[in-house]
Amino acid sequence: MASEGVRFQQFSSANAVCSPARAALLTGRYPTRVGVPDVLQPTDTGGLSLSETTMADMLKAAGYATMCIGKWHLGAPNQYMPTNRGFQGFYGLPYSNDMAPLPLIQNTTVIEQPANLSTLTQRYTQQAVSFINSAKSSPFFLFMPHTFPHIPLAVSTQFAGQSGCGLYGDTLAEIDWSVGQVLQAVRQNGLDENTLVMVTSDHGPWFEGSNRGLHGRKGESWEGGFRIPFIARFPGQIPEGIVSNSFATAMDIFPTVARLAGATLPQAPLDGQDIWPLMTGQQKDGEPDSIQRDAFLYFDSWNLQCARLGTWKVHLTRYNTPPWIPLPDNWRVNLPLLAPELYNLDADPAETTELASSHPEIVSAITARVQALLPTFPSTVQSVWSNTRSMTPCYCTAGGWPTAPGQ
């Protein structure tokens, strides 16, 4: 797909965990704006705010057939499920496969519980191909968020032991096969040159998988938690073999799709930008940027931790421990850094060389943009930011993490 389309080198999720990232992708807005700051649990009574317009809502109104196949994770109560959020059909799990109970749902009916994980990718693929075959005569939108490689991993007998890279490799090989089956269905129905196909992720790797030398992983506001792959293929519209080094985010997918579909944007202002010029190579790397993008904000829950403007990223707050360290309740605290940390992500994507003292004017410019943007967010974001800034700064030595919050 990358050789036949465009691949982005600096593409970012809007969050480093699944529910908030998915909420942002489907609305084009920060997860803290749309009611999903954290990972949703099976017992939660809420979900993606019912006042929000999803991409499926928008495309359905524009005459598209809409289908969601895979992991939803934007609210388990009926009113938050896909068939009430613009999708005419749903086949998949309501949340992550490490949660219980784990029903497999078709539209609104539980058809299996617990879901048989070993055949899940195969069944997702069959459903996707069937949807394409049935919807080929009209515009359609297929949202296919695979369950794996979220753990626990599982694979069909067809792919078990075939990758030579263990269960994780087998799982990825089956997902790769699944993407191929979807592309084949598009081609066989004569839709290849009239269909945009995009592949991305919701956040950086966790259990296994490569962060390509970036600092951090899932759940962290370092680039390893936020930066994700993005490939787009549209024969005849996107030239082959484009590699874009321009910055873009998952929130940009919404307005870009709206442009291509001729759909009406929702009334709520979007945080994403139309990146079609980047996807087609009309906007070249190094040329003056035609996309007017404000600072991009990195949230963990309600906590604003970092901000990026152009090639520069400033770290302002951080948890006193990484997310995978087992600790007593209420020990992990988001704290202000003693001083902001500045990184040039073009030259140093791994965030290894701190440059704040060399470029205080850039730190000031980005923090000023943060202060200007904060009033546009819900009051919880503003109060959490104020409370965090009033706390004792976080200081860590080379010897390890502090022994108590604020030390």
Protein backbone atom coordinates (compact mmCIF):
# COMPACT_ATOMS: atom_id res chain seq x y z
CA MET A 1 0.00 0.00 0.00
CA ALA A 2 2.82 2.42 0.83
CA SER A 3 4.47 1.87 -2.55
CA GLU A 4 1.11 2.48 -4.26
CA GLY A 5 0.20 5.57 -2.24
CA VAL A 6 1.49 7.85 0.51
CA ARG A 7 3.25 7.08 3.78
CA PHE A 8 3.57 9.67 6.57
CA GLN A 9 6.69 9.78 8.73
CA GLN A 10 5.33 12.22 11.33
CA PHE A 11 1.73 11.16 11.91
CA SER A 12 0.33 11.39 15.43
CA SER A 13 -2.58 9.95 17.31
CA ALA A 14 -4.53 12.35 19.52
CA ASN A 15 -3.87 10.15 22.55
CA ALA A 16 -1.62 7.31 23.70
CA VAL A 17 -4.44 4.94 24.78
CA CYS A 18 -7.32 3.43 22.86
CA SER A 19 -10.70 4.99 23.76
CA PRO A 20 -9.58 8.64 23.61
CA ALA A 21 -7.63 8.03 20.40
CA ARG A 22 -10.66 6.47 18.69
CA ALA A 23 -12.94 9.25 19.88
CA ALA A 24 -10.63 11.84 18.31
CA LEU A 25 -10.34 9.96 15.02
CA LEU A 26 -14.11 9.64 14.62
CA THR A 27 -14.90 13.26 15.55
CA GLY A 28 -11.86 15.26 14.41
CA ARG A 29 -11.73 16.76 17.92
CA TYR A 30 -9.57 16.30 21.00
CA PRO A 31 -10.84 13.51 23.27
CA THR A 32 -11.01 15.96 26.19
CA ARG A 33 -13.61 17.92 24.19
CA VAL A 34 -15.81 14.92 23.39
CA GLY A 35 -16.15 13.24 26.77
CA VAL A 36 -13.57 10.45 26.43
CA PRO A 37 -10.40 11.50 28.29
CA ASP A 38 -9.66 7.95 29.53
CA VAL A 39 -10.01 4.30 28.59
CA LEU A 40 -13.64 3.26 28.98
CA GLN A 41 -14.46 0.22 31.10
CA PRO A 42 -17.30 -2.32 30.61
CA THR A 43 -19.08 -0.97 33.70
CA ASP A 44 -18.93 2.69 32.61
CA THR A 45 -22.33 4.24 31.99
CA GLY A 46 -21.03 6.90 29.59
CA GLY A 47 -19.16 7.08 26.31
CA LEU A 48 -18.48 9.38 23.39
CA SER A 49 -20.69 12.42 24.02
CA LEU A 50 -24.06 12.01 22.36
CA SER A 51 -23.89 15.62 21.17
CA GLU A 52 -20.88 14.83 18.98
CA THR A 53 -21.12 14.12 15.25
CA THR A 54 -19.14 11.05 14.25
CA MET A 55 -17.59 10.48 10.85
CA ALA A 56 -20.27 7.85 10.30
CA ASP A 57 -23.02 10.35 11.15
CA MET A 58 -21.57 12.79 8.63
CA LEU A 59 -21.15 10.25 5.82
CA LYS A 60 -24.51 8.60 6.41
CA ALA A 61 -26.14 12.01 5.97
CA ALA A 62 -24.21 12.36 2.70
CA GLY A 63 -25.72 9.13 1.34
CA TYR A 64 -23.06 6.62 2.37
CA ALA A 65 -23.71 3.09 3.57
CA THR A 66 -21.82 2.77 6.88
CA MET A 67 -20.38 -0.25 8.69
CA CYS A 68 -18.19 -0.78 11.75
CA ILE A 69 -16.32 -4.09 12.08
CA GLY A 70 -13.98 -4.75 15.00
CA LYS A 71 -13.27 -3.19 18.38
CA TRP A 72 -15.55 -0.25 19.26
CA HIS A 73 -14.54 0.95 22.77
CA LEU A 74 -16.43 4.25 22.77
CA GLY A 75 -19.17 3.29 25.22
CA ALA A 76 -20.89 -0.02 25.95
CA PRO A 77 -24.43 1.13 26.85
CA ASN A 78 -26.76 0.79 23.88
CA GLN A 79 -27.10 4.51 23.15
CA TYR A 80 -23.31 4.79 22.70
CA MET A 81 -22.87 1.72 20.49
CA PRO A 82 -22.10 1.99 16.74
CA THR A 83 -25.65 1.51 15.44
CA ASN A 84 -26.67 4.62 17.40
CA ARG A 85 -23.61 6.61 16.28
CA GLY A 86 -24.10 6.69 12.51
CA PHE A 87 -23.22 3.10 11.62
CA GLN A 88 -25.99 1.13 9.94
CA GLY A 89 -24.26 -2.13 10.85
CA PHE A 90 -21.85 -3.41 13.49
CA TYR A 91 -19.96 -6.67 13.95
CA GLY A 92 -17.42 -6.84 16.73
CA LEU A 93 -16.51 -6.35 20.36
CA PRO A 94 -17.77 -3.45 22.51
CA TYR A 95 -14.31 -2.90 24.04
CA SER A 96 -10.84 -4.45 24.42
CA ASN A 97 -10.41 -8.20 24.43
CA ASP A 98 -8.81 -8.18 27.91
CA MET A 99 -12.09 -6.98 29.43
CA ALA A 100 -15.06 -9.01 30.65
CA PRO A 101 -17.68 -10.01 29.88
CA LEU A 102 -16.60 -10.24 26.25
CA PRO A 103 -19.56 -10.54 23.87
CA LEU A 104 -19.35 -10.68 20.09
CA ILE A 105 -22.15 -8.44 18.84
CA GLN A 106 -23.87 -8.25 15.47
CA ASN A 107 -25.74 -4.96 15.19
CA THR A 108 -27.36 -4.96 18.64
CA THR A 109 -27.53 -8.73 19.30
CA VAL A 110 -25.00 -10.77 21.28
CA ILE A 111 -24.22 -13.73 19.06
CA GLU A 112 -21.39 -15.27 21.11
CA GLN A 113 -20.13 -14.91 24.66
CA PRO A 114 -17.31 -15.09 25.38
CA ALA A 115 -16.08 -14.31 21.88
CA ASN A 116 -13.86 -16.94 20.28
CA LEU A 117 -10.71 -14.90 19.77
CA SER A 118 -8.87 -17.41 17.60
CA THR A 119 -11.31 -16.95 14.69
CA LEU A 120 -12.00 -13.26 15.22
CA THR A 121 -9.75 -11.84 12.49
CA GLN A 122 -11.10 -14.38 9.99
CA ARG A 123 -14.69 -13.47 10.81
CA TYR A 124 -14.01 -9.74 10.74
CA THR A 125 -12.56 -10.20 7.27
CA GLN A 126 -15.52 -12.23 6.01
CA GLN A 127 -17.88 -9.54 7.27
CA ALA A 128 -15.84 -6.77 5.61
CA VAL A 129 -15.75 -8.51 2.24
CA SER A 130 -19.48 -9.21 2.47
CA PHE A 131 -20.20 -5.57 3.25
CA ILE A 132 -18.14 -4.34 0.27
CA ASN A 133 -19.86 -6.82 -2.05
CA SER A 134 -23.31 -5.69 -0.91
CA ALA A 135 -22.59 -1.93 -0.76
CA LYS A 136 -20.65 -1.64 -4.03
CA SER A 137 -23.45 0.11 -5.91
CA SER A 138 -23.44 3.13 -3.57
CA PRO A 139 -20.85 5.15 -1.68
CA PHE A 140 -19.79 3.31 1.46
CA PHE A 141 -17.73 3.85 4.60
CA LEU A 142 -16.12 0.85 6.29
CA PHE A 143 -14.47 1.45 9.68
CA MET A 144 -12.47 -1.68 10.56
CA PRO A 145 -10.56 -1.37 13.86
CA HIS A 146 -8.99 -4.80 14.37
CA THR A 147 -9.02 -6.23 17.89
CA PHE A 148 -5.42 -7.43 17.68
CA PRO A 149 -2.55 -6.99 18.37
CA HIS A 150 -4.10 -5.96 21.70
CA ILE A 151 -3.44 -8.76 24.17
CA PRO A 152 -4.43 -11.50 24.80
CA LEU A 153 -3.25 -12.50 21.35
CA ALA A 154 -4.97 -15.19 19.30
CA VAL A 155 -4.69 -16.50 15.76
CA SER A 156 -6.49 -18.99 13.52
CA THR A 157 -5.06 -22.41 12.70
CA GLN A 158 -4.31 -21.13 9.19
CA PHE A 159 -1.67 -18.72 10.54
CA ALA A 160 -0.56 -20.40 13.78
CA GLY A 161 3.20 -20.95 13.72
CA GLN A 162 3.57 -19.61 10.18
CA SER A 163 5.41 -16.33 10.73
CA GLY A 164 8.51 -17.65 12.45
CA CYS A 165 8.13 -14.75 14.90
CA GLY A 166 5.93 -16.34 17.54
CA LEU A 167 2.29 -15.62 18.32
CA TYR A 168 2.72 -11.87 17.89
CA GLY A 169 4.16 -12.34 14.40
CA ASP A 170 1.42 -14.83 13.51
CA THR A 171 -1.24 -12.34 14.64
CA LEU A 172 0.23 -9.56 12.51
CA ALA A 173 0.53 -11.89 9.52
CA GLU A 174 -3.19 -12.64 9.77
CA ILE A 175 -4.05 -8.94 9.97
CA ASP A 176 -1.86 -8.36 6.91
CA TRP A 177 -3.78 -11.09 5.10
CA SER A 178 -7.04 -9.43 6.19
CA VAL A 179 -6.02 -6.08 4.69
CA GLY A 180 -5.15 -7.90 1.49
CA GLN A 181 -8.59 -9.52 1.38
CA VAL A 182 -10.28 -6.14 1.78
CA LEU A 183 -8.18 -4.64 -1.02
CA GLN A 184 -8.95 -7.63 -3.23
CA ALA A 185 -12.68 -7.17 -2.64
CA VAL A 186 -12.37 -3.52 -3.63
CA ARG A 187 -10.52 -4.47 -6.84
CA GLN A 188 -12.83 -7.34 -7.78
CA ASN A 189 -15.84 -5.05 -7.51
CA GLY A 190 -14.26 -2.52 -9.87
CA LEU A 191 -13.90 0.08 -7.12
CA ASP A 192 -10.13 0.39 -6.93
CA GLU A 193 -9.92 3.85 -8.52
CA ASN A 194 -12.91 5.17 -6.61
CA THR A 195 -11.96 4.08 -3.09
CA LEU A 196 -9.66 5.69 -0.54
CA VAL A 197 -8.14 3.08 1.78
CA MET A 198 -6.27 4.22 4.89
CA VAL A 199 -4.32 2.19 7.43
CA THR A 200 -3.26 3.58 10.78
CA SER A 201 -3.20 2.78 14.52
CA ASP A 202 -4.65 4.29 17.67
CA HIS A 203 -1.35 4.69 19.55
CA GLY A 204 2.21 3.40 19.87
CA PRO A 205 3.18 -0.18 20.75
CA TRP A 206 2.77 -1.73 24.16
CA PHE A 207 3.19 -5.49 24.67
CA GLU A 208 5.39 -6.12 21.67
CA GLY A 209 6.00 -4.23 18.45
CA SER A 210 8.62 -1.69 17.50
CA ASN A 211 8.61 1.99 18.36
CA ARG A 212 11.35 2.47 15.73
CA GLY A 213 13.79 3.94 18.24
CA LEU A 214 11.39 6.54 19.62
CA HIS A 215 11.25 7.33 23.32
CA GLY A 216 8.29 5.77 25.13
CA ARG A 217 5.43 3.46 24.32
CA LYS A 218 1.65 3.22 24.74
CA GLY A 219 0.36 5.40 27.56
CA GLU A 220 3.14 7.98 27.41
CA SER A 221 3.31 11.44 25.85
CA TRP A 222 6.75 10.80 24.38
CA GLU A 223 6.67 10.25 20.62
CA GLY A 224 6.76 6.48 21.09
CA GLY A 225 3.27 6.67 22.61
CA PHE A 226 1.71 9.10 20.13
CA ARG A 227 3.45 8.66 16.78
CA ILE A 228 1.72 6.07 14.59
CA PRO A 229 1.88 4.71 11.03
CA PHE A 230 -0.37 6.23 8.39
CA ILE A 231 -0.69 4.94 4.82
CA ALA A 232 -3.27 6.09 2.29
CA ARG A 233 -3.94 4.49 -1.09
CA PHE A 234 -6.22 5.93 -3.79
CA PRO A 235 -5.18 4.93 -7.34
CA GLY A 236 -5.52 7.79 -9.77
CA GLN A 237 -5.83 10.35 -6.97
CA ILE A 238 -2.78 9.75 -4.76
CA PRO A 239 0.45 9.29 -6.74
CA GLU A 240 2.53 6.21 -6.02
CA GLY A 241 5.41 6.17 -3.58
CA ILE A 242 4.95 9.49 -1.78
CA VAL A 243 6.74 9.79 1.57
CA SER A 244 5.58 12.82 3.56
CA ASN A 245 7.65 14.28 6.40
CA SER A 246 4.96 16.83 7.20
CA PHE A 247 3.26 16.66 10.57
CA ALA A 248 -0.34 15.43 10.60
CA THR A 249 -2.70 13.81 13.11
CA ALA A 250 -5.54 11.32 13.25
CA MET A 251 -7.94 14.23 13.81
CA ASP A 252 -7.11 15.39 10.27
CA ILE A 253 -8.83 12.34 8.76
CA PHE A 254 -12.32 13.68 9.52
CA PRO A 255 -12.10 16.99 7.60
CA THR A 256 -10.14 15.34 4.77
CA VAL A 257 -12.82 12.69 4.30
CA ALA A 258 -15.51 15.38 4.48
CA ARG A 259 -13.84 17.22 1.61
CA LEU A 260 -13.61 14.15 -0.59
CA ALA A 261 -17.19 13.05 0.16
CA GLY A 262 -18.66 16.52 -0.27
CA ALA A 263 -20.14 16.10 3.20
CA THR A 264 -21.33 18.85 5.51
CA LEU A 265 -19.06 19.49 8.50
CA PRO A 266 -20.61 19.50 11.98
CA GLN A 267 -21.26 22.76 13.80
CA ALA A 268 -18.72 22.02 16.53
CA PRO A 269 -15.30 23.37 15.46
CA LEU A 270 -12.81 20.70 14.43
CA ASP A 271 -9.26 20.41 15.73
CA GLY A 272 -8.15 18.50 12.63
CA GLN A 273 -7.12 20.02 9.31
CA ASP A 274 -7.78 18.97 5.71
CA ILE A 275 -4.52 17.23 4.69
CA TRP A 276 -5.49 16.24 1.16
CA PRO A 277 -2.68 18.46 -0.27
CA LEU A 278 -0.17 16.49 1.83
CA MET A 279 -1.65 13.13 0.87
CA THR A 280 -1.47 13.88 -2.85
CA GLY A 281 1.94 15.54 -2.82
CA GLN A 282 0.53 18.93 -3.88
CA GLN A 283 2.08 20.32 -0.68
CA LYS A 284 5.78 19.33 -0.86
CA ASP A 285 8.08 18.90 2.12
CA GLY A 286 10.09 22.04 2.70
CA GLU A 287 7.62 24.32 0.94
CA PRO A 288 5.76 27.00 2.93
CA ASP A 289 3.00 25.14 4.74
CA SER A 290 -0.43 25.87 3.28
CA ILE A 291 -2.06 24.17 6.27
CA GLN A 292 -2.50 26.66 9.11
CA ARG A 293 -2.12 24.47 12.19
CA ASP A 294 -2.18 25.70 15.77
CA ALA A 295 -0.18 24.03 18.54
CA PHE A 296 -0.93 20.32 18.85
CA LEU A 297 -1.62 19.31 22.47
CA TYR A 298 -0.64 16.00 24.08
CA PHE A 299 -3.13 14.93 26.75
CA ASP A 300 -3.03 12.05 29.23
CA SER A 301 -6.51 11.84 30.73
CA TRP A 302 -7.37 15.48 31.54
CA ASN A 303 -3.68 16.30 31.96
CA LEU A 304 -2.04 18.50 29.33
CA GLN A 305 1.57 17.30 29.23
CA CYS A 306 3.16 18.53 25.99
CA ALA A 307 2.59 20.82 23.03
CA ARG A 308 4.00 20.82 19.51
CA LEU A 309 4.26 23.80 17.16
CA GLY A 310 5.97 23.21 13.84
CA THR A 311 9.00 21.02 14.41
CA TRP A 312 9.27 21.90 18.12
CA LYS A 313 7.78 20.00 21.06
CA VAL A 314 7.71 21.27 24.64
CA HIS A 315 7.19 18.95 27.62
CA LEU A 316 5.48 20.82 30.46
CA THR A 317 4.22 18.16 32.90
CA ARG A 318 4.84 14.45 33.44
CA TYR A 319 3.80 11.61 35.70
CA ASN A 320 6.22 10.78 38.47
CA THR A 321 6.35 7.15 37.26
CA PRO A 322 5.87 5.38 33.94
CA PRO A 323 2.43 3.77 33.46
CA TRP A 324 3.66 0.18 33.76
CA ILE A 325 5.14 0.48 37.28
CA PRO A 326 2.83 -1.24 39.82
CA LEU A 327 2.22 1.18 42.69
CA PRO A 328 -0.24 1.77 45.52
CA ASP A 329 -3.40 3.68 44.69
CA ASN A 330 -2.99 7.44 44.20
CA TRP A 331 0.79 7.23 44.02
CA ARG A 332 1.08 8.11 40.34
CA VAL A 333 0.73 11.87 40.08
CA ASN A 334 1.00 14.27 37.15
CA LEU A 335 3.43 17.02 38.15
CA PRO A 336 4.96 20.09 36.51
CA LEU A 337 8.53 19.73 35.35
CA LEU A 338 11.15 21.86 37.10
CA ALA A 339 11.67 23.53 33.74
CA PRO A 340 10.08 22.91 30.32
CA GLU A 341 11.92 20.51 28.03
CA LEU A 342 12.26 21.38 24.34
CA TYR A 343 12.96 18.97 21.47
CA ASN A 344 13.32 19.45 17.72
CA LEU A 345 11.33 16.53 16.33
CA ASP A 346 12.63 16.91 12.78
CA ALA A 347 16.25 16.52 13.85
CA ASP A 348 15.64 14.47 17.00
CA PRO A 349 12.44 12.38 16.82
CA ALA A 350 13.69 10.20 19.70
CA GLU A 351 13.68 13.24 22.02
CA THR A 352 17.23 12.70 23.25
CA THR A 353 18.66 16.25 23.12
CA GLU A 354 16.97 18.86 25.31
CA LEU A 355 17.25 22.40 23.87
CA ALA A 356 15.15 24.71 26.09
CA SER A 357 18.11 26.75 27.34
CA SER A 358 19.28 27.34 23.76
CA HIS A 359 15.86 28.43 22.48
CA PRO A 360 13.93 30.16 25.29
CA GLU A 361 11.98 32.18 22.73
CA ILE A 362 10.52 28.99 21.24
CA VAL A 363 9.52 27.70 24.67
CA SER A 364 7.83 31.03 25.37
CA ALA A 365 6.01 31.03 22.03
CA ILE A 366 4.62 27.53 22.50
CA THR A 367 3.60 28.04 26.13
CA ALA A 368 1.84 31.24 25.06
CA ARG A 369 -0.14 29.24 22.50
CA VAL A 370 -1.03 26.71 25.20
CA GLN A 371 -2.34 29.48 27.44
CA ALA A 372 -4.38 30.87 24.55
CA LEU A 373 -5.91 27.49 23.71
CA LEU A 374 -6.79 26.38 27.25
CA PRO A 375 -9.92 28.57 27.54
CA THR A 376 -11.39 26.75 24.51
CA PHE A 377 -11.38 23.43 26.41
CA PRO A 378 -13.84 22.13 29.03
CA SER A 379 -13.51 23.53 32.54
CA THR A 380 -12.08 20.23 33.81
CA VAL A 381 -9.03 20.64 31.56
CA GLN A 382 -8.51 24.17 32.83
CA SER A 383 -8.90 23.28 36.52
CA VAL A 384 -6.62 20.24 36.25
CA TRP A 385 -4.02 22.38 34.50
CA SER A 386 -4.24 25.03 37.22
CA ASN A 387 -4.00 22.44 39.99
CA THR A 388 -1.03 20.74 38.35
CA ARG A 389 0.86 24.00 37.92
CA SER A 390 0.43 24.72 41.62
CA MET A 391 2.02 21.42 42.71
CA THR A 392 5.64 20.74 43.63
CA PRO A 393 7.62 20.19 40.42
CA CYS A 394 8.80 16.75 39.38
CA TYR A 395 12.52 16.07 39.68
CA CYS A 396 14.19 12.79 38.80
CA THR A 397 17.87 11.90 39.02
CA ALA A 398 19.76 9.43 36.88
CA GLY A 399 19.46 6.96 39.75
CA GLY A 400 15.75 6.40 39.24
CA TRP A 401 12.29 7.70 40.04
CA PRO A 402 11.56 9.77 43.16
CA THR A 403 10.56 8.02 46.35
CA ALA A 404 7.48 10.15 46.91
CA PRO A 405 5.35 12.53 44.86
CA GLY A 406 7.04 15.86 44.36
CA GLN A 407 10.45 14.79 45.63
